[in-house]
Protein backbone atom coordinates (compact mmCIF):
# COMPACT_ATOMS: atom_id res chain seq x y z
CA MET A 1 -75.43 16.43 29.09
CA ALA A 2 -74.60 13.32 27.57
CA LYS A 3 -75.78 10.19 27.91
CA TYR A 4 -75.53 7.11 30.14
CA LYS A 5 -76.71 3.55 30.22
CA ILE A 6 -77.53 2.20 33.69
CA LYS A 7 -75.89 -0.96 34.19
CA HIS A 8 -75.79 -3.11 37.85
CA THR A 9 -78.50 -2.05 39.23
CA SER A 10 -81.80 0.57 39.89
CA ILE A 11 -81.18 4.72 40.52
CA MET A 12 -83.30 7.57 41.61
CA HIS A 13 -82.43 10.49 39.33
CA ASP A 14 -84.48 13.53 40.05
CA GLY A 15 -87.42 12.07 41.13
CA HIS A 16 -87.45 9.23 38.55
CA LEU A 17 -86.45 5.31 38.82
CA TYR A 18 -83.73 4.26 35.91
CA LYS A 19 -84.30 0.25 35.70
CA GLU A 20 -80.85 -1.76 34.80
CA GLY A 21 -80.48 -1.16 30.88
CA SER A 22 -82.50 1.97 30.87
CA THR A 23 -80.80 5.19 29.87
CA VAL A 24 -80.35 8.51 31.41
CA GLU A 25 -78.81 12.42 30.45
CA LEU A 26 -75.92 13.68 33.19
CA THR A 27 -74.17 16.33 33.83
CA LYS A 28 -69.93 15.10 34.79
CA GLU A 29 -70.46 15.98 38.36
CA GLN A 30 -73.54 13.12 37.91
CA ALA A 31 -71.68 10.62 35.85
CA THR A 32 -68.30 10.23 37.41
CA ARG A 33 -70.32 10.23 41.57
CA LEU A 34 -72.30 7.08 39.59
CA GLU A 35 -69.26 5.78 37.43
CA ASP A 36 -69.55 2.75 38.85
CA PHE A 37 -73.25 1.98 37.98
CA ILE A 38 -73.05 3.49 34.26
CA THR A 39 -71.55 3.41 30.91
CA LEU A 40 -71.38 6.45 28.72
CA ILE A 41 -73.33 5.88 25.21
CA PRO A 42 -71.25 7.48 22.41
CA GLU A 43 -73.12 10.07 20.36
CA LYS A 44 -73.71 9.13 16.89
CA LYS A 45 -73.36 11.72 13.86
CA SER A 46 -76.50 10.37 11.90
CA GLU A 47 -76.65 11.09 8.18
CA PRO A 48 -79.43 12.29 5.82
CA THR A 49 -80.98 9.73 4.64
CA THR A 50 -81.29 11.77 1.15
CA ASN A 51 -77.31 11.25 0.78
CA LYS A 52 -78.30 7.14 0.25
CA THR A 53 -80.05 8.04 -2.41
CA LYS A 54 -78.29 10.34 -3.87
CA THR A 55 -75.18 8.31 -4.08
CA GLN A 56 -78.00 5.32 -6.03
CA ASN A 57 -79.59 7.80 -7.81
CA THR A 58 -75.69 9.30 -8.69
CA ASN A 59 -75.06 5.22 -10.08
CA LYS A 60 -77.65 4.94 -12.15
CA THR A 61 -77.27 8.37 -13.32
CA ALA A 62 -73.72 7.43 -14.88
CA ALA A 63 -75.19 3.62 -15.60
CA ASN A 64 -77.87 6.13 -17.84
CA THR A 65 -75.32 7.92 -19.36
CA ALA A 66 -72.87 5.40 -20.98
CA ASP A 67 -75.72 3.20 -22.35
CA LYS A 68 -76.96 6.52 -24.03
CA THR A 69 -73.17 6.96 -24.64
CA LYS A 70 -72.94 3.45 -26.38
CA THR A 71 -76.68 3.94 -27.86
CA GLU A 72 -75.42 7.07 -29.35
CA THR A 73 -72.18 6.29 -31.11
CA LYS A 74 -73.78 3.19 -32.79
CA THR A 75 -76.37 4.96 -33.95
CA ASP A 76 -74.77 7.86 -35.00
CA VAL A 77 -74.59 8.72 -39.12
CA LYS A 78 -73.06 11.78 -40.38
CA GLU A 79 -74.87 12.71 -43.35
CA GLY A 80 -73.74 11.60 -47.03
CA GLU A 81 -71.64 8.67 -45.39
CA LYS A 82 -75.47 6.54 -45.82
CA ASN A 83 -74.20 3.52 -47.79
CA ASP A 84 -76.61 2.37 -50.47
CA LYS A 85 -76.42 -1.06 -51.59
């Protein structure tokens, strides 16, 4: 069953009164009979909230790796190549 938003009126459905602006789940047959008074609410594909966190962590990890690489490059000294002045 899909969700619909009630528009322009109130609807009595299954013993419940649904006022204008409220949502109701209807079958295709029910929706066809009430098509002038309802609007289909598209289903939202919800993304897990952890995706945003993972993306941020990945960016932080990449930045930390770049910082470490810069630091390691600057401080790398091979044995026997120390400058004694």
